[in-house]
Amino acid sequence: MKDLILIVVALALSFLFGFVVNRHFASKNKTPEVTSSFLESRLADCSELTTCQLEYVDLVKYSQGSIPLMTKKSFSMIYQANIRAGVDLSLAKVTLTPSSIRIKLPQTEIQSITVNTDSLRFYDEHFALFNWSDKEDIALAIKAAREDVEKNADLERLKAQARRQAEAVILQLIKPTVKDDRQVIIE
């Protein structure tokens, strides 16, 4: 009788041990199912992805007023601006088919243009007796620099470069999650 009890206990322990080991290895090998909402959430976690930056340096000439020495003031200014371009990945749309994963990205956009106020260097300044204010001049200088960037910097080329880099980053982000042979297509 003791032998029978030992055999039953040994079998029960063996069964329990096998069950625990099986559950442990099954949970390790379990990969999340790749769905469009899973991929969209991974992309949305990145949110505003800046993929290209440009340090832009230029000279801008500013003039205001019409009567020299009385109301006309002018200056030339060298400035440095930082331009960031990228995509908002929270707006990306993912479509899955048995053979492909299509990711439709929003348009690449200029995310910010920041004029570095420490870089402002003024030259050829002409002051006016009745049109003079340092605080307003600095604000006007920054506004003029920003307008100059928008007008003269090659923003379309910067956006195209940002788009290419965003596509490369997204491929590197998505490829490891895809365990089958589906093709990743970025539109």
Foldseek 3Di string as FASTA:
>chain_A
DVVVVVVVVVVVVVVVVVVVVVVVVVVVPDADDDDQVVLLVLQQVCFWDFQFKDKDKDKDKDWDDDDAQAAIKIKIKIWIKMWTKAFGSNPWGWDDDPAAIEIETDQIDTPDIGIDLVGIDIDPIGDHPHHDDPVVVSVVVRVRVVVCCVPPPPVVVRSVSNVVRRVVVSCVSCVVSDPDNHYYHYD
